[in-house]
C-alpha atoms as a PDB file:
ATOM      1  CA  MET A   1     138.335   4.792 242.598  1.00  0.00           C
ATOM      2  CA  LEU A   2     136.446   1.770 241.997  1.00  0.00           C
ATOM      3  CA  ILE A   3     134.632   2.022 245.288  1.00  0.00           C
ATOM      4  CA  ARG A   4     133.613   6.062 243.982  1.00  0.00           C
ATOM      5  CA  SER A   5     132.128   4.734 240.883  1.00  0.00           C
ATOM      6  CA  LYS A   6     130.438   1.666 242.180  1.00  0.00           C
ATOM      7  CA  ALA A   7     129.218   4.126 244.932  1.00  0.00           C
ATOM      8  CA  LEU A   8     127.652   6.782 242.473  1.00  0.00           C
ATOM      9  CA  GLU A   9     125.923   4.340 240.001  1.00  0.00           C
ATOM     10  CA  GLY A  10     122.878   5.507 239.729  1.00  0.00           C
ATOM     11  CA  ILE A  11     123.659   9.291 240.272  1.00  0.00           C
ATOM     12  CA  PRO A  12     122.859  11.033 237.327  1.00  0.00           C
ATOM     13  CA  GLN A  13     124.995  13.518 235.807  1.00  0.00           C
ATOM     14  CA  LEU A  14     124.795  17.019 236.275  1.00  0.00           C
ATOM     15  CA  LYS A  15     123.933  18.847 232.991  1.00  0.00           C
ATOM     16  CA  PRO A  16     125.901  22.145 231.997  1.00  0.00           C
ATOM     17  CA  ASP A  17     123.043  24.142 232.717  1.00  0.00           C
ATOM     18  CA  SER A  18     122.393  22.930 236.206  1.00  0.00           C
ATOM     19  CA  ASP A  19     121.625  25.694 238.835  1.00  0.00           C
ATOM     20  CA  ALA A  20     123.064  26.390 242.203  1.00  0.00           C
ATOM     21  CA  GLU A  21     119.634  24.099 243.716  1.00  0.00           C
ATOM     22  CA  GLN A  22     120.694  21.275 241.485  1.00  0.00           C
ATOM     23  CA  LEU A  23     124.548  21.712 242.199  1.00  0.00           C
ATOM     24  CA  PHE A  24     124.138  21.577 245.829  1.00  0.00           C
ATOM     25  CA  ALA A  25     121.463  18.207 245.547  1.00  0.00           C
ATOM     26  CA  ASN A  26     124.312  16.291 243.377  1.00  0.00           C
ATOM     27  CA  ARG A  27     126.713  17.190 246.166  1.00  0.00           C
ATOM     28  CA  LEU A  28     124.552  15.843 248.533  1.00  0.00           C
ATOM     29  CA  SER A  29     123.557  12.687 247.041  1.00  0.00           C
ATOM     30  CA  ILE A  30     127.464  12.438 246.127  1.00  0.00           C
ATOM     31  CA  ARG A  31     127.995  12.291 249.708  1.00  0.00           C
ATOM     32  CA  LYS A  32     125.614   9.981 251.016  1.00  0.00           C
ATOM     33  CA  ALA A  33     126.596   7.519 248.405  1.00  0.00           C
ATOM     34  CA  LEU A  34     130.268   7.919 249.668  1.00  0.00           C
ATOM     35  CA  LEU A  35     129.352   7.631 253.133  1.00  0.00           C
ATOM     36  CA  THR A  36     127.468   4.563 252.463  1.00  0.00           C
ATOM     37  CA  ALA A  37     130.258   2.891 250.500  1.00  0.00           C
ATOM     38  CA  ARG A  38     132.826   3.784 253.060  1.00  0.00           C
ATOM     39  CA  PRO A  39     130.877   3.945 256.442  1.00  0.00           C
ATOM     40  CA  ASP A  40     134.013   3.546 258.527  1.00  0.00           C
ATOM     41  CA  ALA A  41     136.302   5.397 256.557  1.00  0.00           C
ATOM     42  CA  LYS A  42     139.531   6.375 258.633  1.00  0.00           C
ATOM     43  CA  GLN A  43     142.686   8.550 258.340  1.00  0.00           C
ATOM     44  CA  GLY A  44     145.405   6.068 256.871  1.00  0.00           C
ATOM     45  CA  GLN A  45     143.337   4.217 254.386  1.00  0.00           C
ATOM     46  CA  ILE A  46     144.112   5.983 251.327  1.00  0.00           C
ATOM     47  CA  PHE A  47     147.376   7.898 252.928  1.00  0.00           C
ATOM     48  CA  THR A  48     148.768   4.425 254.283  1.00  0.00           C
ATOM     49  CA  PRO A  49     151.545   5.059 256.894  1.00  0.00           C
ATOM     50  CA  ALA A  50     154.246   4.426 253.696  1.00  0.00           C
ATOM     51  CA  ILE A  51     152.397   6.812 251.526  1.00  0.00           C
ATOM     52  CA  ALA A  52     151.980   9.475 254.083  1.00  0.00           C
ATOM     53  CA  ALA A  53     156.080   8.985 254.606  1.00  0.00           C
ATOM     54  CA  TYR A  54     156.438   9.397 251.098  1.00  0.00           C
ATOM     55  CA  ILE A  55     154.439  12.386 250.911  1.00  0.00           C
ATOM     56  CA  ARG A  56     156.357  14.248 254.249  1.00  0.00           C
ATOM     57  CA  SER A  57     159.490  13.235 252.338  1.00  0.00           C
ATOM     58  CA  VAL A  58     158.120  15.249 249.049  1.00  0.00           C
ATOM     59  CA  ILE A  59     156.669  18.113 251.299  1.00  0.00           C
ATOM     60  CA  LYS A  60     159.816  18.432 253.049  1.00  0.00           C
ATOM     61  CA  ASP A  61     162.050  18.332 249.782  1.00  0.00           C
ATOM     62  CA  VAL A  62     159.504  20.875 248.238  1.00  0.00           C
ATOM     63  CA  THR A  63     159.794  23.357 251.233  1.00  0.00           C
ATOM     64  CA  LYS A  64     163.319  23.310 251.573  1.00  0.00           C
ATOM     65  CA  GLY A  65     165.331  26.582 251.227  1.00  0.00           C
ATOM     66  CA  ASN A  66     164.566  29.979 250.567  1.00  0.00           C
ATOM     67  CA  ALA A  67     161.926  29.144 247.505  1.00  0.00           C
ATOM     68  CA  GLY A  68     160.464  26.361 249.749  1.00  0.00           C
ATOM     69  CA  ALA A  69     160.137  28.870 252.714  1.00  0.00           C
ATOM     70  CA  LYS A  70     157.987  30.676 250.019  1.00  0.00           C
ATOM     71  CA  ARG A  71     155.889  27.585 248.601  1.00  0.00           C
ATOM     72  CA  ARG A  72     155.314  26.609 252.544  1.00  0.00           C
ATOM     73  CA  GLU A  73     154.257  30.502 253.086  1.00  0.00           C
ATOM     74  CA  THR A  74     151.913  30.273 249.818  1.00  0.00           C
ATOM     75  CA  ALA A  75     150.084  27.121 251.262  1.00  0.00           C
ATOM     76  CA  LEU A  76     149.736  28.014 254.490  1.00  0.00           C
ATOM     77  CA  GLU A  77     147.942  31.101 253.593  1.00  0.00           C
ATOM     78  CA  VAL A  78     146.700  31.522 250.741  1.00  0.00           C
ATOM     79  CA  GLY A  79     143.127  29.987 250.594  1.00  0.00           C
ATOM     80  CA  ASN A  80     144.204  28.170 253.101  1.00  0.00           C
ATOM     81  CA  PRO A  81     140.873  28.481 256.036  1.00  0.00           C
ATOM     82  CA  LEU A  82     142.414  28.226 258.907  1.00  0.00           C
ATOM     83  CA  ALA A  83     144.490  31.507 257.686  1.00  0.00           C
ATOM     84  CA  GLU A  84     140.998  32.898 257.252  1.00  0.00           C
ATOM     85  CA  GLY A  85     139.891  31.624 260.886  1.00  0.00           C
ATOM     86  CA  ILE A  86     137.372  29.241 259.104  1.00  0.00           C
ATOM     87  CA  PRO A  87     138.041  26.544 261.608  1.00  0.00           C
ATOM     88  CA  ILE A  88     137.655  22.484 259.911  1.00  0.00           C
ATOM     89  CA  SER A  89     137.361  19.231 261.319  1.00  0.00           C
ATOM     90  CA  VAL A  90     140.080  17.008 259.727  1.00  0.00           C
ATOM     91  CA  ARG A  91     138.186  13.785 259.704  1.00  0.00           C
ATOM     92  CA  ALA A  92     137.886  11.128 257.472  1.00  0.00           C
ATOM     93  CA  ASN A  93     134.403  11.123 255.854  1.00  0.00           C
ATOM     94  CA  GLU A  94     133.873  15.048 257.458  1.00  0.00           C
ATOM     95  CA  PRO A  95     132.385  17.056 254.665  1.00  0.00           C
ATOM     96  CA  TYR A  96     134.282  20.301 253.737  1.00  0.00           C
ATOM     97  CA  PRO A  97     132.158  23.601 254.404  1.00  0.00           C
ATOM     98  CA  ASP A  98     130.955  24.822 251.043  1.00  0.00           C
ATOM     99  CA  TYR A  99     131.441  28.377 252.516  1.00  0.00           C
ATOM    100  CA  ALA A 100     135.242  27.476 253.179  1.00  0.00           C
ATOM    101  CA  PRO A 101     137.764  28.310 250.749  1.00  0.00           C
ATOM    102  CA  LEU A 102     140.047  25.922 248.986  1.00  0.00           C
ATOM    103  CA  SER A 103     144.056  26.682 249.949  1.00  0.00           C
ATOM    104  CA  PHE A 104     146.293  26.950 246.683  1.00  0.00           C
ATOM    105  CA  ILE A 105     148.755  24.149 246.100  1.00  0.00           C
ATOM    106  CA  PRO A 106     151.689  25.575 244.476  1.00  0.00           C
ATOM    107  CA  PRO A 107     152.538  23.743 241.031  1.00  0.00           C
ATOM    108  CA  ALA A 108     156.178  22.288 242.914  1.00  0.00           C
ATOM    109  CA  PHE A 109     153.786  20.403 245.215  1.00  0.00           C
ATOM    110  CA  LEU A 110     151.769  18.742 242.339  1.00  0.00           C
ATOM    111  CA  ARG A 111     154.465  18.057 240.141  1.00  0.00           C
ATOM    112  CA  GLN A 112     156.139  15.957 243.099  1.00  0.00           C
ATOM    113  CA  LEU A 113     153.074  14.601 245.193  1.00  0.00           C
ATOM    114  CA  PRO A 114     151.823  11.142 243.559  1.00  0.00           C
ATOM    115  CA  PRO A 115     149.200  11.646 240.472  1.00  0.00           C
ATOM    116  CA  ILE A 116     145.519  11.044 241.608  1.00  0.00           C
ATOM    117  CA  PRO A 117     142.341  10.697 239.693  1.00  0.00           C
ATOM    118  CA  ARG A 118     140.914  14.380 238.864  1.00  0.00           C
ATOM    119  CA  GLN A 119     137.577  13.660 240.946  1.00  0.00           C
ATOM    120  CA  LEU A 120     139.837  14.396 243.914  1.00  0.00           C
ATOM    121  CA  GLY A 121     142.289  17.081 244.932  1.00  0.00           C
ATOM    122  CA  TYR A 122     144.828  18.061 247.156  1.00  0.00           C
ATOM    123  CA  ARG A 123     144.194  20.753 249.485  1.00  0.00           C
ATOM    124  CA  PHE A 124     145.856  22.062 253.115  1.00  0.00           C
ATOM    125  CA  VAL A 125     144.078  22.944 255.705  1.00  0.00           C
ATOM    126  CA  GLY A 126     146.728  24.972 258.068  1.00  0.00           C
ATOM    127  CA  PRO A 127     149.648  22.454 258.041  1.00  0.00           C
ATOM    128  CA  HIS A 128     147.498  19.083 257.332  1.00  0.00           C
ATOM    129  CA  LEU A 129     147.100  17.664 253.892  1.00  0.00           C
ATOM    130  CA  ILE A 130     143.856  16.187 252.757  1.00  0.00           C
ATOM    131  CA  LEU A 131     142.340  14.676 249.900  1.00  0.00           C
ATOM    132  CA  LEU A 132     139.316  15.874 248.954  1.00  0.00           C
ATOM    133  CA  ASP A 133     136.799  14.142 246.621  1.00  0.00           C
ATOM    134  CA  ARG A 134     136.266  17.858 244.707  1.00  0.00           C
ATOM    135  CA  GLY A 135     132.048  16.155 243.751  1.00  0.00           C
ATOM    136  CA  ALA A 136     131.280  15.518 247.315  1.00  0.00           C
ATOM    137  CA  ARG A 137     133.707  18.171 248.838  1.00  0.00           C
ATOM    138  CA  GLN A 138     134.275  15.470 251.210  1.00  0.00           C
ATOM    139  CA  ILE A 139     137.493  14.516 253.155  1.00  0.00           C
ATOM    140  CA  VAL A 140     139.067  11.193 251.778  1.00  0.00           C
ATOM    141  CA  ASP A 141     141.643  10.750 253.819  1.00  0.00           C
ATOM    142  CA  PHE A 142     144.394  13.203 255.422  1.00  0.00           C
ATOM    143  CA  ILE A 143     148.276  13.696 256.900  1.00  0.00           C
ATOM    144  CA  LEU A 144     148.067  15.705 259.948  1.00  0.00           C
ATOM    145  CA  ASN A 145     150.727  18.479 260.328  1.00  0.00           C
ATOM    146  CA  ALA A 146     151.977  17.298 256.663  1.00  0.00           C
ATOM    147  CA  LEU A 147     153.879  20.681 256.980  1.00  0.00           C
ATOM    148  CA  ASP A 148     155.514  20.581 259.917  1.00  0.00           C
ATOM    149  CA  ASP A 149     159.237  19.039 259.804  1.00  0.00           C
ATOM    150  CA  ASP A 150     158.821  17.831 263.240  1.00  0.00           C
ATOM    151  CA  ALA A 151     155.509  16.083 263.483  1.00  0.00           C
ATOM    152  CA  GLU A 152     156.544  13.036 261.783  1.00  0.00           C
ATOM    153  CA  GLY A 153     154.625  11.174 263.907  1.00  0.00           C
ATOM    154  CA  ALA A 154     151.436  13.005 264.784  1.00  0.00           C
ATOM    155  CA  THR A 155     148.415  10.886 264.013  1.00  0.00           C
ATOM    156  CA  ARG A 156     145.498  12.794 266.121  1.00  0.00           C
ATOM    157  CA  ARG A 157     144.333  16.680 265.716  1.00  0.00           C
END
């Protein structure tokens, strides 16, 4: 978060009465600042192999049994852009389209996944878990096929 904080120095805070144009301009400023701070961002710089393995084990545990199958189905369908036919490029530093929905993350996932700063959020794009910068709507890092039991070694889409 230190990189994010330093990158956003000088970008004014939005006021509560900001209009859509101001919100969009602010989002673009944040994106530009983050791209400048992490121009060579790559998969695995935040979700290191050890963290990705831990997250995969959490997801596998949370999706066990009948209740788990329902959670998995919810993650793959509710607000998931791929379920709605909206393709998303899953790459570090890639913007998450403003027109694309954000997937619902069942509370059982959130209780078990590592806590993250409030400026970030976990989301699913198809079976892939992304770490999304909320202010920039930009993908920070991702784990491909996180919802697939047999895809532990997958690294490319």
